[in-house]
Amino acid sequence: MASEAERSGADQGLTLDQLDLDQVIINSYDALFVTDKFGNVLLANPASGRLLGVTTEELVGSNVRDLVKKGVYDRSTTWEAIETRSVVTGLIVSWHGVNVMATSTPLMDENGEITMVITNSRDKDLVDNFLAVLEEERKTADRYKTAVEYLSEGDLDPKATVAESRPMRQIIATSSVIAKTDSTVLLLGESGTGKEVIARYIHRNSLRAKEPFIPVNCAAIPHELLESEFFGYVRGAFTGASPQGKPGLFEIADKGTLFLDEIAELPLTMQSKMLRVLETGEIQRLGGTTMQKTNVRLIAATNRDLKAMMNQELFRNDLYYRLNVIPIYLPPLAERPEDILVLAQKFLEELNRKYALKKKFTARTTQAFLNYSWPGNVRELRNVIERLVITSTGDNLNFEDYSLVSGKTSAQSADFQYQGTLKSVLKAVEEEYINQVLAECNGRIGEAAQRLGIHRTMLYRKMKQDK
């Protein structure tokens, strides 16, 4: 059945035989010339002349073998197609140094005899450039695909950073400023203080926010795999290597942020290689021979004393000073009690949403949180809240559950009567009421201070006195 285009042509009285095929051939971007079965050129379009550096008049009527002898080009895929009676693709170099990719296709009659040979050609540099663009797009796609494997279960909510205390407010303010730069950041502090939270905050507020954020725990990678993980490897680099090769962490994080947690756990041999990458911005895949530029913003973190490690020759001095461009110290949770209740409420809301619950803290529970030293910092607080939510039978996370925090028995945490002097009882009542208001305000210091009728600095002072 005729197509609409064919019907339209027929309506205008046009047939394929009547079309001006010369215009199609003349205006073809690809070089096109046709020979007979002896290699005599019957037709050559202008693109052929441009590629070979001759006129079409010099081509038409010539024999391809004579063109080779004259040095117009160094080989003839046309003649090779005639001799092999098959399609031949090859690289031809013209007399003026242009590399040409040519494909010659022999046409056969019903008896299997060659009637003519059609050759299509194109500048090899154009083909190479096109393939290079495709390869770059493939690498980019592979990089983002591999990045997913290194991403955690889900990035933190942009509003998840808690900064109620003065130290944390200062840290957030500093992080907001340095986020707009590419300077290396070194996060210091005890385990569980929230170093990755700050690293993510810096990335989200940087000019690289739309690029990958790759968090890596250096202590979790076996020493023998560190080089291949960080720098990648080429095909066949070692036994068991992926046949396609694999990009390393620096390639995956290209244009984005690479967060190296527990960087103090890197062995000295890897530290020297890391230093070179930071200084040159170049990497070389394991088993590879070429250097590759990377554009990565590095944020490192550790809970260890790097200066002490330097004195013990466990950490390189030059790497330390290369990392210690902008150091940020995160204080332990015990030194920022104002953040405890806000964090606790945030974790509780997350768990309530996750399990479709309506759990809430009682005043005595919040007091238990404020009285506890939290040696495991924010990570321990998060775990305790989850434990309370999962194991409690009612909606109120009450004082009896304090045993899960401090190890006290339920008998020790039972209701008690006030004892002591009037001053001590009044202090206890004040403390209990402050905790009740803080619980009702979900740990928001400003709102609680307003309800209590005191300035927030006074509330901070009373909270510290209660500890």
Protein backbone atom coordinates (compact mmCIF):
# COMPACT_ATOMS: atom_id res chain seq x y z
CA MET A 1 0.00 0.00 0.00
CA ALA A 2 1.44 3.39 -1.03
CA SER A 3 2.54 5.76 1.71
CA GLU A 4 1.18 9.28 2.04
CA ALA A 5 4.45 10.70 0.68
CA GLU A 6 4.32 8.36 -2.31
CA ARG A 7 0.70 9.25 -2.97
CA SER A 8 1.57 12.95 -2.72
CA GLY A 9 4.39 12.53 -5.26
CA ALA A 10 2.15 10.58 -7.61
CA ASP A 11 -0.48 13.30 -7.39
CA GLN A 12 2.13 15.80 -8.61
CA GLY A 13 3.16 13.56 -11.48
CA LEU A 14 6.56 12.71 -9.97
CA THR A 15 8.21 9.27 -9.94
CA LEU A 16 11.47 8.06 -8.44
CA ASP A 17 13.09 7.84 -11.88
CA GLN A 18 12.35 11.48 -12.51
CA LEU A 19 13.84 12.84 -9.31
CA ASP A 20 17.00 14.83 -9.67
CA LEU A 21 19.38 12.31 -8.07
CA ASP A 22 22.33 14.45 -9.11
CA GLN A 23 21.33 17.04 -6.48
CA VAL A 24 21.17 14.33 -3.81
CA ILE A 25 24.65 13.14 -4.67
CA ILE A 26 26.17 16.60 -5.13
CA ASN A 27 24.85 17.87 -1.78
CA SER A 28 25.72 14.77 0.21
CA TYR A 29 27.98 15.62 3.18
CA ASP A 30 29.69 12.24 2.87
CA ALA A 31 32.11 11.58 0.07
CA LEU A 32 30.54 9.27 -2.53
CA PHE A 33 32.01 7.81 -5.70
CA VAL A 34 31.13 4.85 -7.86
CA THR A 35 33.37 2.63 -9.99
CA ASP A 36 32.74 -0.18 -12.44
CA LYS A 37 33.95 -3.73 -11.83
CA PHE A 38 37.40 -2.77 -13.13
CA GLY A 39 37.86 0.12 -10.71
CA ASN A 40 37.21 2.89 -13.19
CA VAL A 41 35.56 5.90 -11.48
CA LEU A 42 32.13 6.55 -12.96
CA LEU A 43 30.91 9.17 -10.50
CA ALA A 44 32.44 11.33 -7.74
CA ASN A 45 30.68 14.02 -5.76
CA PRO A 46 32.32 17.28 -4.57
CA ALA A 47 32.81 15.89 -1.03
CA SER A 48 35.13 13.21 -2.48
CA GLY A 49 37.31 15.86 -4.07
CA ARG A 50 37.47 17.90 -0.84
CA LEU A 51 38.54 14.88 1.20
CA LEU A 52 41.18 13.72 -1.27
CA GLY A 53 42.42 17.19 -2.19
CA VAL A 54 41.72 16.89 -5.92
CA THR A 55 38.97 17.98 -8.31
CA THR A 56 36.11 15.69 -9.27
CA GLU A 57 37.30 15.98 -12.87
CA GLU A 58 40.59 14.35 -11.86
CA LEU A 59 38.69 11.49 -10.27
CA VAL A 60 36.04 10.68 -12.84
CA GLY A 61 37.47 8.48 -15.60
CA SER A 62 40.52 7.50 -13.55
CA ASN A 63 41.23 4.03 -12.29
CA VAL A 64 41.56 3.58 -8.52
CA ARG A 65 44.86 1.69 -8.92
CA ASP A 66 46.30 4.57 -10.95
CA LEU A 67 45.16 7.02 -8.24
CA VAL A 68 47.15 5.00 -5.70
CA LYS A 69 50.21 4.96 -7.97
CA LYS A 70 49.98 8.74 -8.42
CA GLY A 71 49.89 9.14 -4.62
CA VAL A 72 46.42 10.70 -4.46
CA TYR A 73 45.86 8.29 -1.58
CA ASP A 74 47.79 5.37 -0.13
CA ARG A 75 45.30 2.52 -0.63
CA SER A 76 42.02 1.72 -2.37
CA THR A 77 39.25 0.02 -0.44
CA THR A 78 37.37 -0.06 -3.76
CA TRP A 79 39.93 -2.37 -5.32
CA GLU A 80 40.10 -4.47 -2.15
CA ALA A 81 36.30 -4.89 -2.35
CA ILE A 82 36.62 -5.99 -6.00
CA GLU A 83 39.31 -8.53 -5.17
CA THR A 84 37.58 -9.94 -2.07
CA ARG A 85 34.04 -9.60 -3.47
CA SER A 86 32.98 -8.29 -0.04
CA VAL A 87 32.38 -5.06 1.84
CA VAL A 88 35.69 -3.49 2.91
CA THR A 89 36.11 -0.70 5.48
CA GLY A 90 39.50 0.87 6.05
CA LEU A 91 41.57 3.95 6.77
CA ILE A 92 42.90 5.90 3.77
CA VAL A 93 45.46 8.70 3.96
CA SER A 94 45.25 11.33 1.22
CA TRP A 95 48.25 13.04 -0.34
CA HIS A 96 47.71 16.14 1.89
CA GLY A 97 47.52 14.12 5.12
CA VAL A 98 43.78 13.80 5.70
CA ASN A 99 42.73 10.51 7.31
CA VAL A 100 39.64 9.13 5.60
CA MET A 101 37.36 6.34 6.81
CA ALA A 102 36.07 4.58 3.67
CA THR A 103 33.60 1.77 3.14
CA SER A 104 33.38 0.12 -0.29
CA THR A 105 30.38 -2.05 -1.14
CA PRO A 106 30.34 -4.22 -4.31
CA LEU A 107 26.97 -4.64 -6.08
CA MET A 108 26.28 -8.00 -7.76
CA ASP A 109 24.03 -8.99 -10.63
CA GLU A 110 21.82 -12.11 -10.69
CA ASN A 111 24.82 -14.19 -11.77
CA GLY A 112 26.91 -13.05 -8.85
CA GLU A 113 29.12 -10.82 -10.97
CA ILE A 114 30.21 -7.40 -9.73
CA THR A 115 28.52 -4.61 -11.63
CA MET A 116 29.81 -1.62 -9.71
CA VAL A 117 31.34 -0.60 -6.36
CA ILE A 118 29.91 2.21 -4.20
CA THR A 119 32.32 3.88 -1.76
CA ASN A 120 31.26 6.16 1.08
CA SER A 121 33.93 8.16 2.93
CA ARG A 122 34.17 10.63 5.80
CA ASP A 123 36.96 12.53 7.55
CA LYS A 124 38.25 10.24 10.32
CA ASP A 125 38.73 13.17 12.72
CA LEU A 126 35.01 13.89 12.55
CA VAL A 127 34.24 10.26 13.31
CA ASP A 128 36.74 10.24 16.18
CA ASN A 129 35.27 13.42 17.64
CA PHE A 130 31.79 11.98 17.46
CA LEU A 131 32.90 8.76 19.12
CA ALA A 132 34.73 10.77 21.79
CA VAL A 133 31.53 12.65 22.60
CA LEU A 134 29.62 9.38 22.83
CA GLU A 135 32.32 7.90 25.06
CA GLU A 136 32.25 10.94 27.34
CA GLU A 137 28.48 10.68 27.62
CA ARG A 138 28.82 6.97 28.40
CA LYS A 139 31.42 7.68 31.07
CA THR A 140 29.20 10.33 32.62
CA ALA A 141 26.26 7.94 32.66
CA ASP A 142 28.44 5.20 34.18
CA ARG A 143 29.77 7.64 36.76
CA TYR A 144 26.31 8.61 37.95
CA LYS A 145 25.18 5.00 37.86
CA THR A 146 28.12 3.94 40.00
CA ALA A 147 27.60 6.91 42.31
CA VAL A 148 24.25 5.46 43.33
CA GLU A 149 26.06 2.44 44.75
CA TYR A 150 28.01 4.67 47.14
CA LEU A 151 25.12 6.83 48.24
CA SER A 152 23.51 6.10 51.57
CA GLU A 153 19.86 5.05 51.84
CA GLY A 154 18.75 8.62 51.39
CA ASP A 155 20.18 12.07 51.78
CA LEU A 156 19.25 13.94 54.88
CA ASP A 157 16.39 16.40 54.78
CA PRO A 158 17.68 19.87 53.88
CA LYS A 159 16.12 21.16 57.12
CA ALA A 160 17.46 18.29 59.22
CA THR A 161 20.51 20.10 60.60
CA VAL A 162 19.88 20.92 64.27
CA ALA A 163 21.63 23.97 65.67
CA GLU A 164 19.96 25.22 68.84
CA SER A 165 23.14 25.58 70.90
CA ARG A 166 25.56 28.45 70.45
CA PRO A 167 28.47 26.21 69.27
CA MET A 168 26.33 24.52 66.62
CA ARG A 169 24.86 27.80 65.43
CA GLN A 170 28.40 29.06 64.94
CA ILE A 171 29.38 25.89 63.07
CA ILE A 172 26.38 26.22 60.74
CA ALA A 173 27.20 29.88 60.11
CA THR A 174 30.80 28.99 59.27
CA SER A 175 29.71 26.07 57.08
CA SER A 176 27.36 28.33 55.12
CA VAL A 177 30.24 30.66 54.27
CA ILE A 178 32.82 28.02 53.31
CA ALA A 179 30.23 26.02 51.35
CA LYS A 180 30.50 28.54 48.49
CA THR A 181 34.22 27.83 48.11
CA ASP A 182 36.16 24.77 46.97
CA SER A 183 38.46 24.75 50.01
CA THR A 184 39.21 21.43 51.69
CA VAL A 185 37.44 20.99 55.03
CA LEU A 186 38.62 18.85 57.95
CA LEU A 187 35.88 17.88 60.41
CA LEU A 188 37.13 16.94 63.87
CA GLY A 189 35.30 15.52 66.85
CA GLU A 190 34.25 12.41 68.70
CA SER A 191 32.49 9.59 66.92
CA GLY A 192 28.78 10.21 66.53
CA THR A 193 28.87 14.02 66.81
CA GLY A 194 27.36 14.50 63.35
CA LYS A 195 30.35 15.07 61.07
CA GLU A 196 28.59 13.58 58.05
CA VAL A 197 25.56 15.80 58.73
CA ILE A 198 27.79 18.87 58.48
CA ALA A 199 29.54 17.49 55.40
CA ARG A 200 26.18 17.06 53.68
CA TYR A 201 25.11 20.52 54.80
CA ILE A 202 28.23 22.04 53.20
CA HIS A 203 27.61 20.11 49.96
CA ARG A 204 23.90 21.05 49.79
CA ASN A 205 24.74 24.72 50.18
CA SER A 206 27.66 24.69 47.73
CA LEU A 207 27.82 25.41 44.01
CA ARG A 208 28.24 21.64 43.57
CA ALA A 209 24.87 20.80 45.14
CA LYS A 210 23.51 19.25 41.93
CA GLU A 211 26.52 16.96 41.58
CA PRO A 212 27.20 13.74 43.54
CA PHE A 213 27.95 13.68 47.27
CA ILE A 214 29.97 10.51 47.86
CA PRO A 215 30.46 9.48 51.50
CA VAL A 216 33.20 6.93 52.12
CA ASN A 217 34.28 5.27 55.37
CA CYS A 218 38.02 4.77 54.91
CA ALA A 219 38.14 2.23 57.73
CA ALA A 220 35.60 0.01 55.97
CA ILE A 221 37.70 -0.59 52.83
CA PRO A 222 40.26 -3.45 53.00
CA HIS A 223 43.79 -2.11 52.58
CA GLU A 224 44.45 -4.24 49.49
CA LEU A 225 41.45 -2.68 47.73
CA LEU A 226 42.05 0.96 48.63
CA GLU A 227 43.88 1.94 45.42
CA SER A 228 41.35 0.33 43.08
CA GLU A 229 38.43 1.80 45.06
CA PHE A 230 39.79 5.34 45.10
CA PHE A 231 41.34 5.49 41.63
CA GLY A 232 39.50 2.75 39.70
CA TYR A 233 41.06 0.22 37.34
CA VAL A 234 41.22 -0.60 33.65
CA ARG A 235 40.09 -3.79 31.97
CA GLY A 236 42.21 -6.78 33.00
CA ALA A 237 44.11 -4.84 35.69
CA PHE A 238 44.04 -7.84 38.02
CA THR A 239 42.44 -11.24 38.44
CA GLY A 240 38.73 -10.88 39.07
CA ALA A 241 38.57 -7.32 37.73
CA SER A 242 35.45 -6.29 35.87
CA PRO A 243 35.94 -6.76 32.11
CA GLN A 244 34.68 -3.21 31.55
CA GLY A 245 36.99 -1.70 34.16
CA LYS A 246 35.62 0.47 36.95
CA PRO A 247 35.72 4.17 37.84
CA GLY A 248 37.20 5.07 41.21
CA LEU A 249 35.74 7.28 43.91
CA PHE A 250 37.47 10.39 42.58
CA GLU A 251 35.95 9.82 39.13
CA ILE A 252 32.52 9.10 40.59
CA ALA A 253 32.62 12.28 42.66
CA ASP A 254 33.92 14.41 39.77
CA LYS A 255 32.45 17.95 39.94
CA GLY A 256 30.87 17.00 43.27
CA THR A 257 31.99 16.37 46.86
CA LEU A 258 33.97 13.43 48.21
CA PHE A 259 33.54 12.91 51.96
CA LEU A 260 36.29 10.76 53.47
CA ASP A 261 35.28 9.73 56.98
CA GLU A 262 37.85 8.21 59.34
CA ILE A 263 40.67 9.37 57.10
CA ALA A 264 43.17 8.64 59.86
CA GLU A 265 42.69 4.93 59.11
CA LEU A 266 44.42 5.19 55.72
CA PRO A 267 47.79 3.41 55.67
CA LEU A 268 50.89 5.51 54.95
CA THR A 269 51.26 4.13 51.41
CA MET A 270 47.76 5.27 50.54
CA GLN A 271 48.29 8.61 52.26
CA SER A 272 51.14 9.42 49.86
CA LYS A 273 49.00 8.59 46.84
CA MET A 274 46.12 10.63 48.25
CA LEU A 275 48.45 13.59 48.73
CA ARG A 276 49.57 13.46 45.11
CA VAL A 277 45.97 13.52 43.85
CA LEU A 278 45.13 16.47 46.09
CA GLU A 279 48.16 18.40 44.85
CA THR A 280 47.85 17.65 41.12
CA GLY A 281 44.13 16.99 40.67
CA GLU A 282 45.09 13.98 38.52
CA ILE A 283 44.41 10.29 38.93
CA GLN A 284 45.57 7.17 37.12
CA ARG A 285 43.48 4.03 37.09
CA LEU A 286 45.13 0.87 38.38
CA GLY A 287 46.72 -0.83 35.37
CA GLY A 288 46.27 2.27 33.23
CA THR A 289 48.87 4.44 31.50
CA THR A 290 47.12 7.80 31.17
CA MET A 291 46.46 10.53 33.71
CA GLN A 292 42.96 11.92 34.12
CA LYS A 293 41.96 15.28 35.57
CA THR A 294 39.39 15.36 38.39
CA ASN A 295 37.49 18.23 39.93
CA VAL A 296 36.49 17.15 43.42
CA ARG A 297 35.74 19.12 46.58
CA LEU A 298 37.20 17.11 49.48
CA ILE A 299 35.79 17.00 53.00
CA ALA A 300 37.66 14.76 55.44
CA ALA A 301 36.73 13.73 58.97
CA THR A 302 38.32 11.94 61.89
CA ASN A 303 37.78 11.30 65.59
CA ARG A 304 41.50 10.80 66.20
CA ASP A 305 44.26 13.23 67.16
CA LEU A 306 46.10 13.68 63.88
CA LYS A 307 48.88 15.73 65.46
CA ALA A 308 49.63 12.91 67.90
CA MET A 309 49.61 10.48 64.99
CA MET A 310 52.06 12.72 63.13
CA ASN A 311 54.42 12.61 66.11
CA GLN A 312 54.15 8.82 66.04
CA GLU A 313 54.79 8.85 62.26
CA LEU A 314 51.40 7.26 61.63
CA PHE A 315 50.07 10.19 59.62
CA ARG A 316 51.95 12.23 57.03
CA ASN A 317 52.70 15.84 57.97
CA ASP A 318 52.25 17.07 54.40
CA LEU A 319 48.87 15.37 54.05
CA TYR A 320 47.72 16.80 57.36
CA TYR A 321 48.53 20.36 56.30
CA ARG A 322 46.93 19.72 52.91
CA LEU A 323 43.71 18.63 54.62
CA ASN A 324 43.75 21.14 57.45
CA VAL A 325 42.76 24.13 55.32
CA ILE A 326 39.48 24.81 57.13
CA PRO A 327 39.21 22.78 60.34
CA ILE A 328 35.84 22.54 62.07
CA TYR A 329 35.56 21.00 65.53
CA LEU A 330 32.24 19.45 66.51
CA PRO A 331 31.83 19.39 70.30
CA PRO A 332 30.36 16.30 71.98
CA LEU A 333 26.66 16.32 72.74
CA ALA A 334 27.33 16.69 76.47
CA GLU A 335 28.86 20.13 75.77
CA ARG A 336 25.78 21.35 73.90
CA PRO A 337 22.78 20.29 76.03
CA GLU A 338 20.53 22.78 74.24
CA ASP A 339 20.60 20.46 71.21
CA ILE A 340 19.63 17.31 73.10
CA LEU A 341 15.88 17.82 73.33
CA VAL A 342 15.58 19.30 69.83
CA LEU A 343 17.43 16.32 68.38
CA ALA A 344 15.40 13.91 70.48
CA GLN A 345 12.15 15.42 69.22
CA LYS A 346 13.37 15.34 65.63
CA PHE A 347 14.26 11.64 65.90
CA LEU A 348 10.92 10.90 67.58
CA GLU A 349 8.99 12.62 64.79
CA GLU A 350 10.92 10.62 62.18
CA LEU A 351 10.14 7.33 63.93
CA ASN A 352 6.49 8.27 64.45
CA ARG A 353 6.17 8.90 60.72
CA LYS A 354 8.00 5.70 59.87
CA TYR A 355 5.87 3.45 62.08
CA ALA A 356 2.62 5.51 62.02
CA LEU A 357 2.78 6.10 65.79
CA LYS A 358 1.94 8.96 68.14
CA LYS A 359 4.61 8.52 70.80
CA LYS A 360 5.61 11.49 72.94
CA PHE A 361 8.06 12.31 75.71
CA THR A 362 7.04 12.99 79.27
CA ALA A 363 8.71 15.67 81.36
CA ARG A 364 10.66 13.05 83.31
CA THR A 365 11.92 11.49 80.09
CA THR A 366 13.30 14.80 78.88
CA GLN A 367 14.96 15.29 82.27
CA ALA A 368 16.56 11.85 81.93
CA PHE A 369 17.95 12.93 78.56
CA LEU A 370 19.41 16.12 80.03
CA ASN A 371 20.96 14.27 82.96
CA TYR A 372 22.63 11.61 80.84
CA SER A 373 26.20 12.18 79.61
CA TRP A 374 25.70 10.66 76.10
CA PRO A 375 29.18 9.17 75.55
CA GLY A 376 28.00 7.94 72.14
CA ASN A 377 26.84 11.47 71.23
CA VAL A 378 24.09 12.03 68.64
CA ARG A 379 24.32 8.47 67.33
CA GLU A 380 23.61 7.08 70.81
CA LEU A 381 20.72 9.51 71.30
CA ARG A 382 19.18 8.34 68.03
CA ASN A 383 19.52 4.70 69.04
CA VAL A 384 18.02 5.30 72.49
CA ILE A 385 15.02 7.11 71.03
CA GLU A 386 14.40 4.24 68.65
CA ARG A 387 14.72 1.74 71.50
CA LEU A 388 12.23 3.70 73.60
CA VAL A 389 9.75 3.92 70.73
CA ILE A 390 9.97 0.23 69.82
CA THR A 391 9.81 -1.18 73.36
CA SER A 392 7.30 1.16 75.03
CA THR A 393 3.73 -0.18 75.35
CA GLY A 394 1.90 3.15 75.46
CA ASP A 395 2.10 6.47 73.66
CA ASN A 396 3.92 8.16 76.55
CA LEU A 397 7.62 7.50 76.69
CA ASN A 398 7.62 7.76 80.45
CA PHE A 399 10.13 7.79 83.28
CA GLU A 400 10.08 4.02 83.68
CA ASP A 401 11.81 3.78 80.30
CA TYR A 402 14.78 5.67 81.77
CA SER A 403 16.36 2.29 82.46
CA LEU A 404 17.02 2.03 78.73
CA VAL A 405 19.13 5.18 78.89
CA SER A 406 21.11 4.93 82.08
CA GLY A 407 20.84 1.30 83.08
CA LYS A 408 18.77 2.05 86.17
CA THR A 409 16.07 -0.43 87.14
CA SER A 410 12.39 0.44 87.04
CA ALA A 411 12.34 0.27 90.86
CA GLN A 412 14.98 2.98 90.98
CA SER A 413 12.99 5.16 88.58
CA ALA A 414 9.64 4.85 90.35
CA ASP A 415 7.68 7.93 91.49
CA PHE A 416 9.22 9.67 94.48
CA GLN A 417 8.19 12.22 97.08
CA TYR A 418 10.04 15.47 97.56
CA GLN A 419 12.49 15.52 100.46
CA GLY A 420 14.99 18.01 101.84
CA THR A 421 14.97 21.72 102.53
CA LEU A 422 12.40 24.07 101.03
CA LYS A 423 15.12 25.51 98.81
CA SER A 424 16.03 22.10 97.40
CA VAL A 425 12.36 21.17 96.87
CA LEU A 426 11.65 24.47 95.11
CA LYS A 427 14.68 23.85 92.90
CA ALA A 428 13.41 20.34 92.08
CA VAL A 429 9.92 21.67 91.27
CA GLU A 430 11.42 24.39 89.06
CA GLU A 431 13.57 21.83 87.28
CA GLU A 432 10.63 19.51 86.70
CA TYR A 433 8.45 22.34 85.38
CA ILE A 434 11.20 23.57 83.04
CA ASN A 435 11.52 20.06 81.62
CA GLN A 436 7.77 19.80 81.23
CA VAL A 437 7.63 23.05 79.26
CA LEU A 438 10.64 22.04 77.15
CA ALA A 439 8.90 18.74 76.34
CA GLU A 440 5.69 20.54 75.41
CA CYS A 441 7.70 22.91 73.19
CA ASN A 442 9.51 19.99 71.55
CA GLY A 443 12.86 21.25 72.84
CA ARG A 444 12.59 24.69 71.24
CA ILE A 445 14.48 26.93 73.64
CA GLY A 446 13.08 30.25 72.44
CA GLU A 447 9.45 29.13 72.71
CA ALA A 448 10.01 27.51 76.12
CA ALA A 449 11.72 30.64 77.48
CA GLN A 450 8.79 32.77 76.32
CA ARG A 451 6.29 30.49 78.08
CA LEU A 452 8.37 30.51 81.25
CA GLY A 453 8.66 34.29 81.14
CA ILE A 454 12.46 34.35 81.20
CA HIS A 455 15.18 35.18 78.70
CA ARG A 456 16.62 32.28 76.72
CA THR A 457 20.09 32.88 78.21
CA MET A 458 18.58 32.47 81.67
CA LEU A 459 16.95 29.22 80.54
CA TYR A 460 20.30 28.00 79.22
CA ARG A 461 21.88 28.81 82.58
CA LYS A 462 19.20 26.95 84.53
CA MET A 463 19.50 23.93 82.24
CA LYS A 464 23.25 23.81 82.87
CA GLN A 465 22.73 24.15 86.62
CA ASP A 466 20.34 21.21 86.53
CA LYS A 467 22.92 18.92 84.97
